[in-house]
Amino acid sequence: MSNLATLKPFKKGDDPRRNTNGANKGSISIMGEIKSIWAKDPKGFKKWVKAAMKDKMLRREIIQQVDGKPVQPIAGVQDKPIVIQVSEAIAKKNDTNTGTE
């Protein structure tokens, strides 16, 4: 975790920490590649998808790009809800209610 005391906001104008060059040369995105293949040969795209679906990692990437990442539900043991208990001492220590409402 970062040391909050050393964090500084970006300055207006030139700041050496700011990336002004964009992504590294040669970097690609999966959606960019898929769109490129589609644009070049829409009929061959169907064949490409069938071939890509045979590769486990590529299949997962394509599905996640189209449908989004799967939801990761949070549940306790055997799908029972998770119970969080806070001791009275901790609750009093962290109480932000000033009583003046």
C-alpha atoms as a PDB file:
ATOM      1  CA  MET A   1       0.000   0.000   0.000  1.00  0.00           C
ATOM      2  CA  SER A   2       1.226   3.498  -0.771  1.00  0.00           C
ATOM      3  CA  ASN A   3       2.361   5.889   1.896  1.00  0.00           C
ATOM      4  CA  LEU A   4      -0.418   8.492   1.882  1.00  0.00           C
ATOM      5  CA  ALA A   5       1.957  11.206   3.107  1.00  0.00           C
ATOM      6  CA  THR A   6       4.040  10.935  -0.084  1.00  0.00           C
ATOM      7  CA  LEU A   7       1.141  10.917  -2.559  1.00  0.00           C
ATOM      8  CA  LYS A   8       0.895  14.147  -4.534  1.00  0.00           C
ATOM      9  CA  PRO A   9      -1.690  15.151  -7.157  1.00  0.00           C
ATOM     10  CA  PHE A  10      -0.579  15.787 -10.733  1.00  0.00           C
ATOM     11  CA  LYS A  11       0.452  19.349 -11.529  1.00  0.00           C
ATOM     12  CA  LYS A  12      -1.170  21.270 -14.362  1.00  0.00           C
ATOM     13  CA  GLY A  13       0.940  21.226 -17.493  1.00  0.00           C
ATOM     14  CA  ASP A  14       4.195  19.265 -17.565  1.00  0.00           C
ATOM     15  CA  ASP A  15       4.571  16.615 -14.864  1.00  0.00           C
ATOM     16  CA  PRO A  16       7.314  13.989 -15.305  1.00  0.00           C
ATOM     17  CA  ARG A  17       5.041  11.282 -13.817  1.00  0.00           C
ATOM     18  CA  ARG A  18       2.434  11.704 -16.551  1.00  0.00           C
ATOM     19  CA  ASN A  19       2.539   9.331 -19.544  1.00  0.00           C
ATOM     20  CA  THR A  20       2.136  11.497 -22.635  1.00  0.00           C
ATOM     21  CA  ASN A  21       3.159   8.799 -25.127  1.00  0.00           C
ATOM     22  CA  GLY A  22       0.193   6.450 -24.716  1.00  0.00           C
ATOM     23  CA  ALA A  23       0.550   2.677 -24.847  1.00  0.00           C
ATOM     24  CA  ASN A  24       3.877   1.046 -25.687  1.00  0.00           C
ATOM     25  CA  LYS A  25       4.638   0.517 -29.378  1.00  0.00           C
ATOM     26  CA  GLY A  26       3.564  -2.917 -30.499  1.00  0.00           C
ATOM     27  CA  SER A  27       0.973  -3.379 -27.758  1.00  0.00           C
ATOM     28  CA  ILE A  28      -2.347  -4.750 -28.968  1.00  0.00           C
ATOM     29  CA  SER A  29      -5.817  -5.129 -27.541  1.00  0.00           C
ATOM     30  CA  ILE A  30      -7.893  -8.251 -28.015  1.00  0.00           C
ATOM     31  CA  MET A  31     -10.914  -6.225 -29.164  1.00  0.00           C
ATOM     32  CA  GLY A  32      -8.764  -4.337 -31.662  1.00  0.00           C
ATOM     33  CA  GLU A  33      -7.557  -7.617 -33.138  1.00  0.00           C
ATOM     34  CA  ILE A  34     -11.069  -9.067 -33.282  1.00  0.00           C
ATOM     35  CA  LYS A  35     -12.409  -5.948 -35.029  1.00  0.00           C
ATOM     36  CA  SER A  36      -9.509  -6.048 -37.479  1.00  0.00           C
ATOM     37  CA  ILE A  37     -10.198  -9.679 -38.389  1.00  0.00           C
ATOM     38  CA  TRP A  38     -13.921  -8.930 -38.761  1.00  0.00           C
ATOM     39  CA  ALA A  39     -13.244  -5.923 -41.038  1.00  0.00           C
ATOM     40  CA  LYS A  40     -10.822  -7.836 -43.286  1.00  0.00           C
ATOM     41  CA  ASP A  41     -12.977 -10.908 -43.843  1.00  0.00           C
ATOM     42  CA  PRO A  42     -16.475 -11.062 -42.314  1.00  0.00           C
ATOM     43  CA  LYS A  43     -17.139 -14.540 -43.767  1.00  0.00           C
ATOM     44  CA  GLY A  44     -13.786 -15.892 -42.575  1.00  0.00           C
ATOM     45  CA  PHE A  45     -14.456 -14.418 -39.151  1.00  0.00           C
ATOM     46  CA  LYS A  46     -16.855 -17.255 -38.350  1.00  0.00           C
ATOM     47  CA  LYS A  47     -14.103 -19.795 -39.086  1.00  0.00           C
ATOM     48  CA  TRP A  48     -11.662 -17.779 -36.959  1.00  0.00           C
ATOM     49  CA  VAL A  49     -14.086 -17.763 -34.012  1.00  0.00           C
ATOM     50  CA  LYS A  50     -14.543 -21.539 -34.253  1.00  0.00           C
ATOM     51  CA  ALA A  51     -10.764 -22.014 -34.257  1.00  0.00           C
ATOM     52  CA  ALA A  52     -10.290 -19.528 -31.409  1.00  0.00           C
ATOM     53  CA  MET A  53     -12.897 -21.306 -29.288  1.00  0.00           C
ATOM     54  CA  LYS A  54     -10.682 -24.403 -29.270  1.00  0.00           C
ATOM     55  CA  ASP A  55      -8.020 -22.440 -27.331  1.00  0.00           C
ATOM     56  CA  LYS A  56      -9.101 -22.270 -23.678  1.00  0.00           C
ATOM     57  CA  MET A  57      -7.423 -18.947 -22.817  1.00  0.00           C
ATOM     58  CA  LEU A  58      -8.453 -17.214 -26.029  1.00  0.00           C
ATOM     59  CA  ARG A  59     -12.022 -18.457 -25.606  1.00  0.00           C
ATOM     60  CA  ARG A  60     -12.152 -17.004 -22.082  1.00  0.00           C
ATOM     61  CA  GLU A  61     -10.780 -13.659 -23.296  1.00  0.00           C
ATOM     62  CA  ILE A  62     -13.294 -13.409 -26.119  1.00  0.00           C
ATOM     63  CA  ILE A  63     -16.232 -14.294 -23.881  1.00  0.00           C
ATOM     64  CA  GLN A  64     -15.127 -11.803 -21.231  1.00  0.00           C
ATOM     65  CA  GLN A  65     -14.756  -9.074 -23.851  1.00  0.00           C
ATOM     66  CA  VAL A  66     -18.253  -9.716 -25.166  1.00  0.00           C
ATOM     67  CA  ASP A  67     -20.146 -10.491 -21.941  1.00  0.00           C
ATOM     68  CA  GLY A  68     -17.895  -8.966 -19.275  1.00  0.00           C
ATOM     69  CA  LYS A  69     -16.154 -10.726 -16.424  1.00  0.00           C
ATOM     70  CA  PRO A  70     -18.291 -13.202 -14.477  1.00  0.00           C
ATOM     71  CA  VAL A  71     -19.788 -12.011 -11.197  1.00  0.00           C
ATOM     72  CA  GLN A  72     -17.996 -13.394  -8.164  1.00  0.00           C
ATOM     73  CA  PRO A  73     -20.650 -13.730  -5.454  1.00  0.00           C
ATOM     74  CA  ILE A  74     -19.546 -13.509  -1.850  1.00  0.00           C
ATOM     75  CA  ALA A  75     -21.069 -16.167   0.373  1.00  0.00           C
ATOM     76  CA  GLY A  76     -20.234 -17.997   3.533  1.00  0.00           C
ATOM     77  CA  VAL A  77     -20.022 -21.731   4.046  1.00  0.00           C
ATOM     78  CA  GLN A  78     -22.566 -23.621   1.913  1.00  0.00           C
ATOM     79  CA  ASP A  79     -24.031 -20.377   0.503  1.00  0.00           C
ATOM     80  CA  LYS A  80     -25.023 -19.068   3.929  1.00  0.00           C
ATOM     81  CA  PRO A  81     -24.663 -15.287   4.358  1.00  0.00           C
ATOM     82  CA  ILE A  82     -21.482 -13.908   5.845  1.00  0.00           C
ATOM     83  CA  VAL A  83     -21.990 -12.423   9.289  1.00  0.00           C
ATOM     84  CA  ILE A  84     -19.716  -9.614  10.423  1.00  0.00           C
ATOM     85  CA  GLN A  85     -19.634  -8.943  14.135  1.00  0.00           C
ATOM     86  CA  VAL A  86     -18.110  -5.775  15.547  1.00  0.00           C
ATOM     87  CA  SER A  87     -17.292  -5.568  19.236  1.00  0.00           C
ATOM     88  CA  GLU A  88     -18.818  -2.749  21.236  1.00  0.00           C
ATOM     89  CA  ALA A  89     -15.342  -1.322  21.932  1.00  0.00           C
ATOM     90  CA  ILE A  90     -14.527  -1.096  18.217  1.00  0.00           C
ATOM     91  CA  ALA A  91     -17.946   0.341  17.436  1.00  0.00           C
ATOM     92  CA  LYS A  92     -17.495   3.101  20.043  1.00  0.00           C
ATOM     93  CA  LYS A  93     -13.948   3.839  18.849  1.00  0.00           C
ATOM     94  CA  ASN A  94     -15.075   4.253  15.238  1.00  0.00           C
ATOM     95  CA  ASP A  95     -18.418   5.951  15.942  1.00  0.00           C
ATOM     96  CA  THR A  96     -18.747   8.976  13.667  1.00  0.00           C
ATOM     97  CA  ASN A  97     -22.201   9.899  14.964  1.00  0.00           C
ATOM     98  CA  THR A  98     -21.745  13.053  17.038  1.00  0.00           C
ATOM     99  CA  GLY A  99     -25.260  12.914  18.416  1.00  0.00           C
ATOM    100  CA  THR A 100     -26.150  16.329  17.001  1.00  0.00           C
ATOM    101  CA  GLU A 101     -28.641  15.570  14.263  1.00  0.00           C
END
